[in-house]
Amino acid sequence: MLKKIILPVLFLMLVQVASAQRFEGGILAGFNASQVEGTLINGVNVNGYHKPGILAGVFVQTDFAPAIFGGMEIKYSQKGARKKIDGKNPDPEKYVMRLGYVDVPFYAGFRTSDRSSIIAGISAGYLMHAKEIDNYGEIPREDQNAFNNFDLQPFFGFQFDMLDQVKLDLRFALSVLPIREQSGENPTNYYWHNNQFNNVISLAGYYYLGR
């Protein structure tokens, strides 16, 4: 039930914020390239931004000073991990982790010129769905290591104004809360070795409404 109501409630909250004086907003859409730090398949790390995904949502933004601004967003974002298939391997091993989040980022930005800005912030995420796939199809839920519902990702990035109503946004984000524990016996007591974390590069277009 919570997953069915969380997105409409967040959207209504954002509409209320956008209606306030000095705020402007619009819609956003783009793509993620993601990996999950700490993903091991038969003891081998699955590295690389091989899992593509989409992102889409809405945003509001306001200026605090001529060069300083802040904003928030509500968006659906696909993340996860994918094992790159070795074409030379006669018996390739398939693995795909598909995760879908509702993310609510808050950020501050600094305009470095008339057309470019740097931004930094933090994004809270709620896991809407999760799926793991191997050579035999979808891995049964009872055989999976359970995922945590919440994610927290600090991020930094760059924004580029393309037109008066359009900008591009490039971001780099890494979870600081585990999305789940490592499966099997933990090799050490080290926090970053015992858990898995989302690692995402995103590129999105932002379109301002009513500008």
C-alpha atoms as a PDB file:
ATOM      1  CA  MET A   1       0.000   0.000   0.000  1.00  0.00           C
ATOM      2  CA  LEU A   2       2.820   2.419   0.886  1.00  0.00           C
ATOM      3  CA  LYS A   3       4.406   2.005  -2.546  1.00  0.00           C
ATOM      4  CA  LYS A   4       1.087   2.897  -4.230  1.00  0.00           C
ATOM      5  CA  ILE A   5       0.552   6.160  -2.349  1.00  0.00           C
ATOM      6  CA  ILE A   6       4.081   7.501  -1.885  1.00  0.00           C
ATOM      7  CA  LEU A   7       4.497   8.914  -5.409  1.00  0.00           C
ATOM      8  CA  PRO A   8       1.139  10.826  -5.545  1.00  0.00           C
ATOM      9  CA  VAL A   9       1.753  12.277  -2.084  1.00  0.00           C
ATOM     10  CA  LEU A  10       5.250  13.468  -2.994  1.00  0.00           C
ATOM     11  CA  PHE A  11       3.971  14.947  -6.258  1.00  0.00           C
ATOM     12  CA  LEU A  12       1.265  16.954  -4.447  1.00  0.00           C
ATOM     13  CA  MET A  13       3.871  18.241  -2.012  1.00  0.00           C
ATOM     14  CA  LEU A  14       6.045  19.407  -4.884  1.00  0.00           C
ATOM     15  CA  VAL A  15       3.102  21.157  -6.574  1.00  0.00           C
ATOM     16  CA  GLN A  16       2.448  23.046  -3.336  1.00  0.00           C
ATOM     17  CA  VAL A  17       6.093  24.139  -3.161  1.00  0.00           C
ATOM     18  CA  ALA A  18       6.138  25.165  -6.818  1.00  0.00           C
ATOM     19  CA  SER A  19       3.070  27.356  -6.329  1.00  0.00           C
ATOM     20  CA  ALA A  20       4.938  29.469  -3.788  1.00  0.00           C
ATOM     21  CA  GLN A  21       6.337  32.823  -4.890  1.00  0.00           C
ATOM     22  CA  ARG A  22       9.893  32.881  -6.346  1.00  0.00           C
ATOM     23  CA  PHE A  23       9.838  29.199  -7.318  1.00  0.00           C
ATOM     24  CA  GLU A  24       9.946  27.878 -10.862  1.00  0.00           C
ATOM     25  CA  GLY A  25       9.814  24.289 -11.998  1.00  0.00           C
ATOM     26  CA  GLY A  26       9.281  21.794 -14.759  1.00  0.00           C
ATOM     27  CA  ILE A  27       9.832  18.243 -15.904  1.00  0.00           C
ATOM     28  CA  LEU A  28      12.972  16.157 -16.322  1.00  0.00           C
ATOM     29  CA  ALA A  29      13.946  12.955 -18.111  1.00  0.00           C
ATOM     30  CA  GLY A  30      17.169  11.127 -18.863  1.00  0.00           C
ATOM     31  CA  PHE A  31      19.301   8.061 -18.362  1.00  0.00           C
ATOM     32  CA  ASN A  32      21.391   6.372 -15.671  1.00  0.00           C
ATOM     33  CA  ALA A  33      24.548   4.312 -16.035  1.00  0.00           C
ATOM     34  CA  SER A  34      24.869   2.360 -12.806  1.00  0.00           C
ATOM     35  CA  GLN A  35      26.741  -0.304 -10.909  1.00  0.00           C
ATOM     36  CA  VAL A  36      26.423  -1.707  -7.399  1.00  0.00           C
ATOM     37  CA  GLU A  37      29.588  -1.591  -5.328  1.00  0.00           C
ATOM     38  CA  GLY A  38      30.226  -4.909  -3.588  1.00  0.00           C
ATOM     39  CA  THR A  39      28.441  -7.126  -6.119  1.00  0.00           C
ATOM     40  CA  LEU A  40      30.201 -10.511  -6.195  1.00  0.00           C
ATOM     41  CA  ILE A  41      29.409 -13.356  -8.590  1.00  0.00           C
ATOM     42  CA  ASN A  42      31.271 -16.530  -7.598  1.00  0.00           C
ATOM     43  CA  GLY A  43      33.752 -14.408  -5.697  1.00  0.00           C
ATOM     44  CA  VAL A  44      34.425 -12.053  -8.624  1.00  0.00           C
ATOM     45  CA  ASN A  45      33.493  -8.355  -8.473  1.00  0.00           C
ATOM     46  CA  VAL A  46      30.946  -7.139 -11.022  1.00  0.00           C
ATOM     47  CA  ASN A  47      32.429  -3.741 -11.888  1.00  0.00           C
ATOM     48  CA  GLY A  48      31.592  -1.110 -14.484  1.00  0.00           C
ATOM     49  CA  TYR A  49      28.626   1.096 -15.331  1.00  0.00           C
ATOM     50  CA  HIS A  50      27.021  -1.612 -17.465  1.00  0.00           C
ATOM     51  CA  LYS A  51      23.430  -1.308 -16.187  1.00  0.00           C
ATOM     52  CA  PRO A  52      21.457   1.354 -18.130  1.00  0.00           C
ATOM     53  CA  GLY A  53      18.212   2.795 -16.801  1.00  0.00           C
ATOM     54  CA  ILE A  54      15.780   5.638 -17.257  1.00  0.00           C
ATOM     55  CA  LEU A  55      14.860   8.498 -14.953  1.00  0.00           C
ATOM     56  CA  ALA A  56      11.894  10.874 -15.123  1.00  0.00           C
ATOM     57  CA  GLY A  57      10.172  13.304 -12.803  1.00  0.00           C
ATOM     58  CA  VAL A  58       9.520  16.909 -11.834  1.00  0.00           C
ATOM     59  CA  PHE A  59      11.562  19.644 -10.158  1.00  0.00           C
ATOM     60  CA  VAL A  60      11.329  23.054  -8.516  1.00  0.00           C
ATOM     61  CA  GLN A  61      14.099  25.605  -8.082  1.00  0.00           C
ATOM     62  CA  THR A  62      14.630  29.047  -6.578  1.00  0.00           C
ATOM     63  CA  ASP A  63      17.429  31.636  -6.405  1.00  0.00           C
ATOM     64  CA  PHE A  64      18.937  32.572  -3.041  1.00  0.00           C
ATOM     65  CA  ALA A  65      21.358  35.088  -4.581  1.00  0.00           C
ATOM     66  CA  PRO A  66      22.379  36.049  -8.140  1.00  0.00           C
ATOM     67  CA  ALA A  67      24.891  33.175  -8.278  1.00  0.00           C
ATOM     68  CA  ILE A  68      23.396  30.747  -5.756  1.00  0.00           C
ATOM     69  CA  PHE A  69      20.270  28.628  -6.131  1.00  0.00           C
ATOM     70  CA  GLY A  70      18.639  25.548  -4.645  1.00  0.00           C
ATOM     71  CA  GLY A  71      16.038  22.997  -5.619  1.00  0.00           C
ATOM     72  CA  MET A  72      14.353  19.684  -5.080  1.00  0.00           C
ATOM     73  CA  GLU A  73      13.044  16.924  -7.322  1.00  0.00           C
ATOM     74  CA  ILE A  74      10.792  13.880  -7.300  1.00  0.00           C
ATOM     75  CA  LYS A  75      11.725  11.279  -9.852  1.00  0.00           C
ATOM     76  CA  TYR A  76      11.585   7.612 -10.728  1.00  0.00           C
ATOM     77  CA  SER A  77      15.086   6.215 -11.268  1.00  0.00           C
ATOM     78  CA  GLN A  78      16.243   2.792 -12.491  1.00  0.00           C
ATOM     79  CA  LYS A  79      19.508   1.527 -11.017  1.00  0.00           C
ATOM     80  CA  GLY A  80      21.270  -1.792 -10.521  1.00  0.00           C
ATOM     81  CA  ALA A  81      24.136  -3.869 -11.881  1.00  0.00           C
ATOM     82  CA  ARG A  82      24.907  -6.038 -14.896  1.00  0.00           C
ATOM     83  CA  LYS A  83      27.700  -8.522 -15.500  1.00  0.00           C
ATOM     84  CA  LYS A  84      29.364  -7.803 -18.809  1.00  0.00           C
ATOM     85  CA  ILE A  85      29.199 -10.866 -21.042  1.00  0.00           C
ATOM     86  CA  ASP A  86      32.526 -12.117 -22.398  1.00  0.00           C
ATOM     87  CA  GLY A  87      31.858 -13.113 -25.999  1.00  0.00           C
ATOM     88  CA  LYS A  88      34.915 -15.392 -25.974  1.00  0.00           C
ATOM     89  CA  ASN A  89      33.569 -17.416 -23.052  1.00  0.00           C
ATOM     90  CA  PRO A  90      31.807 -20.520 -24.424  1.00  0.00           C
ATOM     91  CA  ASP A  91      29.665 -20.705 -21.280  1.00  0.00           C
ATOM     92  CA  PRO A  92      28.963 -17.074 -20.299  1.00  0.00           C
ATOM     93  CA  GLU A  93      27.491 -16.364 -16.887  1.00  0.00           C
ATOM     94  CA  LYS A  94      24.564 -13.927 -16.887  1.00  0.00           C
ATOM     95  CA  TYR A  95      23.671 -11.647 -13.998  1.00  0.00           C
ATOM     96  CA  VAL A  96      21.402  -8.589 -13.933  1.00  0.00           C
ATOM     97  CA  MET A  97      20.159  -6.615 -10.910  1.00  0.00           C
ATOM     98  CA  ARG A  98      17.225  -4.300 -11.682  1.00  0.00           C
ATOM     99  CA  LEU A  99      16.219  -1.744  -9.050  1.00  0.00           C
ATOM    100  CA  GLY A 100      13.537   0.949  -9.309  1.00  0.00           C
ATOM    101  CA  TYR A 101      13.524   3.868  -6.865  1.00  0.00           C
ATOM    102  CA  VAL A 102      11.498   6.961  -6.165  1.00  0.00           C
ATOM    103  CA  ASP A 103      14.217   9.522  -5.402  1.00  0.00           C
ATOM    104  CA  VAL A 104      13.787  12.907  -3.707  1.00  0.00           C
ATOM    105  CA  PRO A 105      17.004  14.942  -4.167  1.00  0.00           C
ATOM    106  CA  PHE A 106      17.711  18.283  -2.505  1.00  0.00           C
ATOM    107  CA  TYR A 107      20.565  20.367  -3.883  1.00  0.00           C
ATOM    108  CA  ALA A 108      22.341  23.720  -3.904  1.00  0.00           C
ATOM    109  CA  GLY A 109      24.089  25.196  -6.914  1.00  0.00           C
ATOM    110  CA  PHE A 110      26.619  27.870  -7.794  1.00  0.00           C
ATOM    111  CA  ARG A 111      26.621  29.584 -11.199  1.00  0.00           C
ATOM    112  CA  THR A 112      30.145  29.634 -12.583  1.00  0.00           C
ATOM    113  CA  SER A 113      29.058  31.514 -15.724  1.00  0.00           C
ATOM    114  CA  ASP A 114      25.918  32.605 -17.548  1.00  0.00           C
ATOM    115  CA  ARG A 115      25.501  29.069 -18.947  1.00  0.00           C
ATOM    116  CA  SER A 116      27.065  26.658 -16.438  1.00  0.00           C
ATOM    117  CA  SER A 117      26.719  25.734 -12.768  1.00  0.00           C
ATOM    118  CA  ILE A 118      28.057  23.235 -10.268  1.00  0.00           C
ATOM    119  CA  ILE A 119      25.651  21.507  -7.880  1.00  0.00           C
ATOM    120  CA  ALA A 120      25.852  19.298  -4.807  1.00  0.00           C
ATOM    121  CA  GLY A 121      23.217  17.714  -2.625  1.00  0.00           C
ATOM    122  CA  ILE A 122      21.739  14.578  -1.165  1.00  0.00           C
ATOM    123  CA  SER A 123      19.035  12.253  -2.456  1.00  0.00           C
ATOM    124  CA  ALA A 124      16.737  10.043  -0.382  1.00  0.00           C
ATOM    125  CA  GLY A 125      15.352   7.036  -2.231  1.00  0.00           C
ATOM    126  CA  TYR A 126      12.599   4.492  -1.622  1.00  0.00           C
ATOM    127  CA  LEU A 127      12.852   1.112  -3.348  1.00  0.00           C
ATOM    128  CA  MET A 128       9.731   0.399  -5.401  1.00  0.00           C
ATOM    129  CA  HIS A 129      10.771  -2.894  -6.968  1.00  0.00           C
ATOM    130  CA  ALA A 130      13.800  -5.192  -7.265  1.00  0.00           C
ATOM    131  CA  LYS A 131      14.658  -8.144  -9.502  1.00  0.00           C
ATOM    132  CA  GLU A 132      17.721 -10.317 -10.013  1.00  0.00           C
ATOM    133  CA  ILE A 133      18.247 -12.472 -13.109  1.00  0.00           C
ATOM    134  CA  ASP A 134      20.781 -15.191 -13.912  1.00  0.00           C
ATOM    135  CA  ASN A 135      21.172 -17.849 -16.623  1.00  0.00           C
ATOM    136  CA  TYR A 136      18.045 -19.616 -15.397  1.00  0.00           C
ATOM    137  CA  GLY A 137      15.786 -16.560 -15.319  1.00  0.00           C
ATOM    138  CA  GLU A 138      14.524 -14.497 -12.391  1.00  0.00           C
ATOM    139  CA  ILE A 139      16.050 -15.529  -9.067  1.00  0.00           C
ATOM    140  CA  PRO A 140      13.265 -16.517  -6.614  1.00  0.00           C
ATOM    141  CA  ARG A 141      12.770 -13.990  -3.834  1.00  0.00           C
ATOM    142  CA  GLU A 142      13.451 -16.599  -1.158  1.00  0.00           C
ATOM    143  CA  ASP A 143      16.901 -17.181  -2.694  1.00  0.00           C
ATOM    144  CA  GLN A 144      17.758 -13.479  -2.741  1.00  0.00           C
ATOM    145  CA  ASN A 145      19.505 -11.499  -0.069  1.00  0.00           C
ATOM    146  CA  ALA A 146      16.807  -8.987   0.945  1.00  0.00           C
ATOM    147  CA  PHE A 147      17.180  -5.373  -0.180  1.00  0.00           C
ATOM    148  CA  ASN A 148      16.741  -2.414   2.162  1.00  0.00           C
ATOM    149  CA  ASN A 149      13.805  -0.125   1.370  1.00  0.00           C
ATOM    150  CA  PHE A 150      15.708   3.145   1.778  1.00  0.00           C
ATOM    151  CA  ASP A 151      18.733   4.590   0.014  1.00  0.00           C
ATOM    152  CA  LEU A 152      20.723   7.766   0.721  1.00  0.00           C
ATOM    153  CA  GLN A 153      23.044   9.189  -1.948  1.00  0.00           C
ATOM    154  CA  PRO A 154      25.176  12.335  -1.715  1.00  0.00           C
ATOM    155  CA  PHE A 155      25.893  13.652  -5.206  1.00  0.00           C
ATOM    156  CA  PHE A 156      27.662  16.371  -7.132  1.00  0.00           C
ATOM    157  CA  GLY A 157      27.403  17.448 -10.725  1.00  0.00           C
ATOM    158  CA  PHE A 158      27.193  20.109 -13.394  1.00  0.00           C
ATOM    159  CA  GLN A 159      24.359  21.907 -15.154  1.00  0.00           C
ATOM    160  CA  PHE A 160      24.520  23.536 -18.569  1.00  0.00           C
ATOM    161  CA  ASP A 161      21.901  25.950 -19.911  1.00  0.00           C
ATOM    162  CA  MET A 162      21.210  24.999 -23.524  1.00  0.00           C
ATOM    163  CA  LEU A 163      18.211  27.300 -24.132  1.00  0.00           C
ATOM    164  CA  ASP A 164      16.103  29.612 -21.980  1.00  0.00           C
ATOM    165  CA  GLN A 165      13.828  26.702 -21.017  1.00  0.00           C
ATOM    166  CA  VAL A 166      16.204  23.741 -21.344  1.00  0.00           C
ATOM    167  CA  LYS A 167      19.277  22.650 -19.391  1.00  0.00           C
ATOM    168  CA  LEU A 168      21.403  19.502 -19.170  1.00  0.00           C
ATOM    169  CA  ASP A 169      22.320  17.959 -15.822  1.00  0.00           C
ATOM    170  CA  LEU A 170      25.228  15.539 -15.269  1.00  0.00           C
ATOM    171  CA  ARG A 171      25.560  13.905 -11.832  1.00  0.00           C
ATOM    172  CA  PHE A 172      27.708  11.426  -9.935  1.00  0.00           C
ATOM    173  CA  ALA A 173      26.151   9.729  -6.894  1.00  0.00           C
ATOM    174  CA  LEU A 174      27.222   7.043  -4.411  1.00  0.00           C
ATOM    175  CA  SER A 175      25.116   5.551  -1.622  1.00  0.00           C
ATOM    176  CA  VAL A 176      26.281   5.953   1.976  1.00  0.00           C
ATOM    177  CA  LEU A 177      23.582   3.637   3.346  1.00  0.00           C
ATOM    178  CA  PRO A 178      23.795  -0.007   2.205  1.00  0.00           C
ATOM    179  CA  ILE A 179      21.142  -1.160  -0.242  1.00  0.00           C
ATOM    180  CA  ARG A 180      21.661  -4.604   1.338  1.00  0.00           C
ATOM    181  CA  GLU A 181      24.276  -6.729   3.066  1.00  0.00           C
ATOM    182  CA  GLN A 182      26.704  -8.896   1.160  1.00  0.00           C
ATOM    183  CA  SER A 183      25.485 -12.453   0.700  1.00  0.00           C
ATOM    184  CA  GLY A 184      27.395 -15.262   2.359  1.00  0.00           C
ATOM    185  CA  GLU A 185      29.949 -14.841   5.112  1.00  0.00           C
ATOM    186  CA  ASN A 186      31.368 -11.370   5.535  1.00  0.00           C
ATOM    187  CA  PRO A 187      35.104 -11.389   4.763  1.00  0.00           C
ATOM    188  CA  THR A 188      35.938  -8.557   7.186  1.00  0.00           C
ATOM    189  CA  ASN A 189      34.312  -6.155   9.610  1.00  0.00           C
ATOM    190  CA  TYR A 190      34.882  -3.301   7.160  1.00  0.00           C
ATOM    191  CA  TYR A 191      31.654  -1.398   6.419  1.00  0.00           C
ATOM    192  CA  TRP A 192      32.331  -0.947   2.698  1.00  0.00           C
ATOM    193  CA  HIS A 193      33.294  -4.609   2.218  1.00  0.00           C
ATOM    194  CA  ASN A 194      30.308  -6.119   4.007  1.00  0.00           C
ATOM    195  CA  ASN A 195      27.569  -4.235   2.147  1.00  0.00           C
ATOM    196  CA  GLN A 196      26.409  -3.180  -1.314  1.00  0.00           C
ATOM    197  CA  PHE A 197      25.966   0.425  -2.466  1.00  0.00           C
ATOM    198  CA  ASN A 198      24.457   2.119  -5.528  1.00  0.00           C
ATOM    199  CA  ASN A 199      26.939   3.971  -7.733  1.00  0.00           C
ATOM    200  CA  VAL A 200      25.267   6.032 -10.466  1.00  0.00           C
ATOM    201  CA  ILE A 201      26.170   8.448 -13.259  1.00  0.00           C
ATOM    202  CA  SER A 202      23.116  10.243 -14.660  1.00  0.00           C
ATOM    203  CA  LEU A 203      22.473  12.580 -17.579  1.00  0.00           C
ATOM    204  CA  ALA A 204      19.109  14.322 -17.828  1.00  0.00           C
ATOM    205  CA  GLY A 205      17.359  17.139 -19.650  1.00  0.00           C
ATOM    206  CA  TYR A 206      15.350  19.684 -17.642  1.00  0.00           C
ATOM    207  CA  TYR A 207      12.504  21.634 -19.228  1.00  0.00           C
ATOM    208  CA  TYR A 208      11.115  24.689 -17.412  1.00  0.00           C
ATOM    209  CA  LEU A 209       7.353  25.177 -17.591  1.00  0.00           C
ATOM    210  CA  GLY A 210       5.934  28.684 -17.830  1.00  0.00           C
ATOM    211  CA  ARG A 211       9.288  30.431 -18.229  1.00  0.00           C
END
